Amino acid sequence: MPIRQIGSLDVSIVGLGCNNFGGRTDGERSAEVIDAALDAGINFFDTADIYGGTLSEEILGRALGRQRGDVVVATKFGMAIDAERKGGASPSYIRNALEGSLRRLGTDYVDLYQLHRPDPDVPIADTLGALADLVKAGKVREIGCSNFSAAQLREAEAAVAEGAPRFVSVQNEFSLLHREPEVEVLAECERLGTAFIPFFPLMSGLLSGKYHRGEPPAPGTRLAGMPEERRQDLLADGRFEVVEALERYSAQHGHTIVELAIAWLAAKPAVASVIAGATRVEQVRANVRAADWVLTDKEVAQVDAIAPPLLAGP
């Protein structure tokens, strides 16, 4: 498994997104997925305090057990969990949120602690100052952010006190069917030396080959649980034309569309790890196989011709 860097952290190019744990997958099945990821060489696990109503962190912590020190655990804070834990990025909320995550994960430190989304009500300098205190205390190794624009990344970089920790990563949605980060964010990441972590790399399963034109999503799938309007948008004929063309291209090269979707992201210099979710052991293995396909510049250009930014759309 190729290794890349997020700040001082060495992470596998294919990571495991843990957003299904405690929700679509129970503790036992989630543990099987985590074990399969470890066996396949994945060392980067990304969760958040809101996933599974906080259960994702608990499940991940239990499943890792004694292997905790051998992996990189990333979690996020800032979104509302319940009526008492309303989210945000104030120093007091951050301190309390981290203690909750540490308790649920069964650890005394988080490798990468990420602000889940910008908080317009709190100056970013205050947020960074609170996170710096946690790094100094040894409770956090590196800090990152999520759902930040290029302008917000620049603002955060400018607000870092001399010698203090900075955001070493940004986690935004990015896939062959959602290419908005290419407009500004990826270039800003390269300029700042910030690692980019794409989430929803398979576009909620649309790039997995599990959905077919004219057929409703199977019960239990991510799309089946979405609001009707969003589901119809994702399953539009125009998107399926792109997906079907990508499937043909993958097959011609002896690969699956899942491998293509992940390998294409990994070909971006700023991308550190592609955190694909999984609800079954077979999905983990399918995701990991993508690490074996290193796209050439010619192949990237061919794929871009099939799914260009303006055609794919956000």
Protein backbone atom coordinates (compact mmCIF):
# COMPACT_ATOMS: atom_id res chain seq x y z
CA MET A 1 0.00 0.00 0.00
CA PRO A 2 1.58 3.33 -1.03
CA ILE A 3 2.07 5.82 1.80
CA ARG A 4 1.64 9.60 1.64
CA GLN A 5 1.84 12.39 4.19
CA ILE A 6 -0.69 14.48 6.06
CA GLY A 7 1.59 16.83 7.93
CA SER A 8 3.81 14.54 10.02
CA LEU A 9 1.45 11.58 9.60
CA ASP A 10 2.16 8.67 7.25
CA VAL A 11 -1.13 7.44 5.78
CA SER A 12 -2.15 4.75 3.31
CA ILE A 13 -3.25 6.12 -0.06
CA VAL A 14 -6.56 4.27 0.44
CA GLY A 15 -8.16 4.99 3.80
CA LEU A 16 -11.40 3.88 5.42
CA GLY A 17 -14.28 6.28 5.91
CA CYS A 18 -16.20 5.26 9.03
CA ASN A 19 -19.42 7.20 8.48
CA ASN A 20 -21.49 4.01 8.10
CA PHE A 21 -20.55 2.57 11.48
CA GLY A 22 -23.32 2.67 14.03
CA GLY A 23 -25.83 3.60 11.35
CA ARG A 24 -26.03 1.43 8.25
CA THR A 25 -23.73 -1.17 9.83
CA ASP A 26 -23.91 -2.49 13.38
CA GLY A 27 -20.94 -3.02 15.68
CA GLU A 28 -20.22 -6.61 14.66
CA ARG A 29 -20.28 -5.97 10.93
CA SER A 30 -18.34 -2.75 11.32
CA ALA A 31 -15.63 -4.60 13.23
CA GLU A 32 -15.36 -7.07 10.35
CA VAL A 33 -14.86 -4.18 7.93
CA ILE A 34 -12.20 -2.62 10.16
CA ASP A 35 -10.35 -5.93 10.49
CA ALA A 36 -10.42 -6.37 6.71
CA ALA A 37 -9.01 -2.87 6.27
CA LEU A 38 -6.15 -3.60 8.66
CA ASP A 39 -5.41 -6.89 6.91
CA ALA A 40 -5.36 -5.11 3.52
CA GLY A 41 -2.79 -2.56 4.64
CA ILE A 42 -5.05 0.41 5.42
CA ASN A 43 -3.72 2.45 8.32
CA PHE A 44 -5.86 5.60 8.02
CA PHE A 45 -9.32 5.62 9.62
CA ASP A 46 -11.53 8.69 9.38
CA THR A 47 -14.57 9.20 11.59
CA ALA A 48 -16.45 12.06 13.28
CA ASP A 49 -18.29 12.63 16.52
CA ILE A 50 -21.65 12.81 14.71
CA TYR A 51 -21.29 9.57 12.73
CA GLY A 52 -23.74 6.96 13.91
CA GLY A 53 -24.90 9.33 16.61
CA THR A 54 -21.40 9.07 18.22
CA LEU A 55 -21.39 5.25 17.86
CA SER A 56 -18.86 5.26 15.01
CA GLU A 57 -16.08 6.45 17.30
CA GLU A 58 -16.97 3.82 19.92
CA ILE A 59 -17.02 1.02 17.36
CA LEU A 60 -13.74 2.12 15.80
CA GLY A 61 -12.01 2.38 19.18
CA ARG A 62 -13.12 -1.08 20.27
CA ALA A 63 -12.22 -2.71 16.96
CA LEU A 64 -8.73 -1.20 16.85
CA GLY A 65 -7.96 -2.24 20.42
CA ARG A 66 -4.25 -2.89 20.87
CA GLN A 67 -3.52 -1.90 17.28
CA ARG A 68 -4.40 1.73 18.05
CA GLY A 69 -0.76 2.76 18.09
CA ASP A 70 -0.16 1.25 14.64
CA VAL A 71 -2.76 3.34 12.82
CA VAL A 72 -3.71 6.94 12.14
CA VAL A 73 -7.08 7.92 13.58
CA ALA A 74 -8.79 11.06 12.33
CA THR A 75 -12.00 12.42 13.74
CA LYS A 76 -14.01 15.62 13.37
CA PHE A 77 -15.94 18.06 15.52
CA GLY A 78 -18.16 21.07 14.95
CA MET A 79 -21.51 19.75 13.74
CA ALA A 80 -24.47 19.50 16.08
CA ILE A 81 -24.79 16.13 17.83
CA ASP A 82 -27.88 16.83 19.92
CA ALA A 83 -29.67 19.62 21.77
CA GLU A 84 -26.86 19.93 24.32
CA ARG A 85 -23.92 19.50 21.96
CA LYS A 86 -24.91 22.09 19.39
CA GLY A 87 -21.65 22.18 17.48
CA GLY A 88 -19.42 25.08 16.58
CA ALA A 89 -15.74 25.96 16.82
CA SER A 90 -15.47 27.99 20.01
CA PRO A 91 -12.55 27.11 22.31
CA SER A 92 -14.81 25.77 25.04
CA TYR A 93 -16.79 23.60 22.64
CA ILE A 94 -13.61 22.23 21.08
CA ARG A 95 -12.18 21.18 24.44
CA ASN A 96 -15.37 19.40 25.45
CA ALA A 97 -15.80 17.80 22.03
CA LEU A 98 -12.30 16.37 22.08
CA GLU A 99 -12.72 14.87 25.53
CA GLY A 100 -15.88 13.16 24.32
CA SER A 101 -14.12 11.78 21.25
CA LEU A 102 -11.15 10.54 23.27
CA ARG A 103 -13.47 8.74 25.66
CA ARG A 104 -15.46 7.09 22.87
CA LEU A 105 -12.34 6.12 20.91
CA GLY A 106 -10.71 4.70 24.02
CA THR A 107 -7.48 6.61 23.43
CA ASP A 108 -5.60 9.53 24.92
CA TYR A 109 -4.78 11.25 21.63
CA VAL A 110 -6.18 11.85 18.15
CA ASP A 111 -3.78 11.81 15.22
CA LEU A 112 -5.75 14.26 13.07
CA TYR A 113 -8.44 16.46 14.63
CA GLN A 114 -10.58 18.24 12.06
CA LEU A 115 -13.06 21.10 12.12
CA HIS A 116 -16.02 19.55 10.30
CA ARG A 117 -17.19 22.80 8.75
CA PRO A 118 -16.43 26.52 9.08
CA ASP A 119 -18.07 28.36 11.97
CA PRO A 120 -18.98 31.91 10.84
CA ASP A 121 -19.63 32.95 14.44
CA VAL A 122 -16.13 32.22 15.75
CA PRO A 123 -12.96 33.95 14.50
CA ILE A 124 -10.72 31.30 12.95
CA ALA A 125 -7.82 32.59 15.04
CA ASP A 126 -9.72 31.61 18.20
CA THR A 127 -10.34 28.13 16.82
CA LEU A 128 -6.72 27.69 15.83
CA GLY A 129 -5.58 28.89 19.25
CA ALA A 130 -7.71 26.32 21.04
CA LEU A 131 -6.49 23.55 18.74
CA ALA A 132 -2.89 24.65 19.30
CA ASP A 133 -3.40 24.21 23.04
CA LEU A 134 -4.59 20.64 22.46
CA VAL A 135 -1.54 19.90 20.32
CA LYS A 136 0.71 21.33 23.02
CA ALA A 137 -1.02 19.16 25.61
CA GLY A 138 -0.29 16.05 23.52
CA LYS A 139 -3.95 15.24 22.94
CA VAL A 140 -3.81 15.98 19.22
CA ARG A 141 -0.95 15.37 16.78
CA GLU A 142 -2.13 17.35 13.74
CA ILE A 143 -5.12 19.57 12.94
CA GLY A 144 -7.21 19.83 9.79
CA CYS A 145 -10.44 21.22 8.42
CA SER A 146 -13.32 20.11 6.22
CA ASN A 147 -15.71 21.79 3.79
CA PHE A 148 -13.42 24.83 3.46
CA SER A 149 -13.20 26.99 0.35
CA ALA A 150 -9.89 28.26 -1.04
CA ALA A 151 -10.60 31.66 0.50
CA GLN A 152 -11.24 30.10 3.91
CA LEU A 153 -8.01 28.11 3.65
CA ARG A 154 -6.12 31.34 2.96
CA GLU A 155 -7.84 33.06 5.87
CA ALA A 156 -6.93 30.21 8.22
CA GLU A 157 -3.31 30.18 7.05
CA ALA A 158 -3.03 33.93 7.64
CA ALA A 159 -4.44 33.55 11.17
CA VAL A 160 -1.83 31.05 12.39
CA ALA A 161 0.33 32.49 15.17
CA GLU A 162 4.07 32.29 14.71
CA GLY A 163 5.31 28.79 15.50
CA ALA A 164 1.77 27.49 16.08
CA PRO A 165 0.13 24.48 14.36
CA ARG A 166 -1.66 25.07 11.08
CA PHE A 167 -4.28 23.09 9.22
CA VAL A 168 -2.29 20.35 7.48
CA SER A 169 -5.31 18.98 5.61
CA VAL A 170 -8.68 19.84 4.15
CA GLN A 171 -11.40 17.26 3.58
CA ASN A 172 -13.92 18.15 0.87
CA GLU A 173 -16.20 16.23 -1.45
CA PHE A 174 -14.38 15.27 -4.65
CA SER A 175 -15.00 12.60 -7.25
CA LEU A 176 -15.22 12.06 -10.99
CA LEU A 177 -18.80 13.31 -10.73
CA HIS A 178 -18.12 16.18 -8.32
CA ARG A 179 -15.08 18.12 -9.47
CA GLU A 180 -15.61 21.49 -7.79
CA PRO A 181 -12.29 21.31 -5.85
CA GLU A 182 -10.45 21.56 -9.16
CA VAL A 183 -11.67 25.14 -9.55
CA GLU A 184 -9.59 26.60 -6.71
CA VAL A 185 -9.10 24.37 -3.68
CA LEU A 186 -6.62 21.87 -5.12
CA ALA A 187 -4.37 24.65 -6.40
CA GLU A 188 -4.52 26.36 -3.02
CA CYS A 189 -3.59 23.10 -1.31
CA GLU A 190 -0.54 22.73 -3.53
CA ARG A 191 0.45 26.33 -2.85
CA LEU A 192 0.12 25.94 0.92
CA GLY A 193 1.43 22.38 1.12
CA THR A 194 -1.92 21.27 2.54
CA ALA A 195 -3.00 17.66 2.05
CA PHE A 196 -6.35 17.12 0.37
CA ILE A 197 -8.61 14.29 1.57
CA PRO A 198 -11.54 13.58 -0.77
CA PHE A 199 -14.76 12.31 0.76
CA PHE A 200 -17.61 10.63 -1.18
CA PRO A 201 -15.05 9.41 -3.76
CA LEU A 202 -17.65 7.04 -5.20
CA MET A 203 -20.41 9.69 -5.30
CA SER A 204 -22.63 7.89 -2.78
CA GLY A 205 -22.13 4.62 -4.66
CA LEU A 206 -22.94 5.93 -8.14
CA LEU A 207 -19.34 5.15 -9.15
CA SER A 208 -19.45 1.68 -7.65
CA GLY A 209 -21.44 -0.02 -10.39
CA LYS A 210 -24.25 -0.97 -8.01
CA TYR A 211 -26.86 1.33 -9.60
CA HIS A 212 -28.28 0.94 -13.09
CA ARG A 213 -30.22 3.21 -15.40
CA GLY A 214 -33.99 2.86 -15.05
CA GLU A 215 -33.76 0.70 -11.90
CA PRO A 216 -34.60 1.93 -8.38
CA PRO A 217 -31.82 1.72 -5.76
CA ALA A 218 -31.86 -1.52 -3.80
CA PRO A 219 -33.19 -1.30 -0.21
CA GLY A 220 -30.45 -0.55 2.31
CA THR A 221 -28.20 1.31 -0.12
CA ARG A 222 -27.15 4.89 0.51
CA LEU A 223 -29.22 6.26 -2.37
CA ALA A 224 -32.32 4.40 -1.24
CA GLY A 225 -32.26 6.38 1.99
CA MET A 226 -31.88 9.77 0.34
CA PRO A 227 -34.67 12.31 -0.23
CA GLU A 228 -36.45 11.71 -3.53
CA GLU A 229 -35.28 14.96 -5.15
CA ARG A 230 -31.62 14.30 -4.40
CA ARG A 231 -31.92 10.68 -5.50
CA GLN A 232 -33.48 11.64 -8.84
CA ASP A 233 -30.74 14.19 -9.43
CA LEU A 234 -28.01 11.62 -8.86
CA LEU A 235 -29.75 9.02 -11.02
CA ALA A 236 -30.34 11.36 -13.97
CA ASP A 237 -29.71 9.93 -17.45
CA GLY A 238 -26.88 12.39 -18.05
CA ARG A 239 -24.94 11.04 -15.09
CA PHE A 240 -25.54 7.45 -16.13
CA GLU A 241 -24.12 8.18 -19.56
CA VAL A 242 -20.88 9.25 -17.90
CA VAL A 243 -20.90 6.30 -15.46
CA GLU A 244 -21.52 3.78 -18.21
CA ALA A 245 -18.68 5.25 -20.29
CA LEU A 246 -16.37 5.05 -17.27
CA GLU A 247 -17.38 1.43 -16.70
CA ARG A 248 -16.48 0.59 -20.30
CA TYR A 249 -13.13 2.37 -19.98
CA SER A 250 -12.31 0.53 -16.74
CA ALA A 251 -13.20 -2.86 -18.23
CA GLN A 252 -11.04 -2.18 -21.29
CA HIS A 253 -8.10 -1.67 -18.93
CA GLY A 254 -8.81 -4.74 -16.83
CA HIS A 255 -10.19 -2.85 -13.84
CA THR A 256 -13.48 -1.92 -12.20
CA ILE A 257 -15.09 1.50 -12.05
CA VAL A 258 -14.39 1.56 -8.29
CA GLU A 259 -10.67 1.14 -8.98
CA LEU A 260 -10.82 3.87 -11.62
CA ALA A 261 -12.66 6.32 -9.36
CA ILE A 262 -10.13 5.92 -6.55
CA ALA A 263 -7.04 5.72 -8.78
CA TRP A 264 -8.08 8.92 -10.59
CA LEU A 265 -8.26 10.77 -7.28
CA ALA A 266 -4.93 9.31 -6.16
CA ALA A 267 -3.36 10.70 -9.34
CA LYS A 268 -3.92 14.24 -8.04
CA PRO A 269 -0.67 15.48 -6.41
CA ALA A 270 -2.47 17.18 -3.50
CA VAL A 271 -4.48 14.08 -2.54
CA ALA A 272 -3.03 12.26 0.47
CA SER A 273 -5.60 9.51 1.06
CA VAL A 274 -8.92 8.52 -0.49
CA ILE A 275 -11.29 7.67 2.35
CA ALA A 276 -13.83 5.35 0.78
CA GLY A 277 -16.54 4.02 3.05
CA ALA A 278 -17.51 0.37 3.21
CA THR A 279 -20.31 -1.70 4.71
CA ARG A 280 -18.91 -5.10 3.70
CA VAL A 281 -15.52 -6.78 3.71
CA GLU A 282 -15.72 -7.23 -0.07
CA GLN A 283 -16.02 -3.47 -0.53
CA VAL A 284 -12.86 -2.86 1.46
CA ARG A 285 -10.92 -5.27 -0.74
CA ALA A 286 -12.35 -3.69 -3.88
CA ASN A 287 -11.28 -0.24 -2.70
CA VAL A 288 -7.77 -1.39 -1.84
CA ARG A 289 -7.24 -2.91 -5.29
CA ALA A 290 -7.31 0.63 -6.66
CA ALA A 291 -3.87 1.24 -5.16
CA ASP A 292 -2.44 -1.12 -7.78
CA TRP A 293 -3.57 1.09 -10.68
CA VAL A 294 -1.30 4.12 -11.06
CA LEU A 295 -2.81 6.17 -13.86
CA THR A 296 -0.48 7.62 -16.48
CA ASP A 297 -0.89 11.22 -17.66
CA LYS A 298 -2.39 9.84 -20.87
CA GLU A 299 -4.94 7.77 -18.94
CA VAL A 300 -5.88 10.75 -16.77
CA ALA A 301 -6.49 12.80 -19.91
CA GLN A 302 -8.62 10.03 -21.39
CA VAL A 303 -10.73 9.81 -18.24
CA ASP A 304 -11.11 13.59 -18.12
CA ALA A 305 -12.43 13.47 -21.67
CA ILE A 306 -15.13 11.04 -20.55
CA ALA A 307 -16.10 12.96 -17.39
CA PRO A 308 -15.04 16.59 -17.90
CA PRO A 309 -15.78 19.05 -15.08
CA LEU A 310 -18.59 20.91 -16.82
CA LEU A 311 -20.30 17.67 -17.82
CA ALA A 312 -19.96 16.02 -14.45
CA GLY A 313 -21.08 19.01 -12.43
CA PRO A 314 -21.36 19.36 -8.62
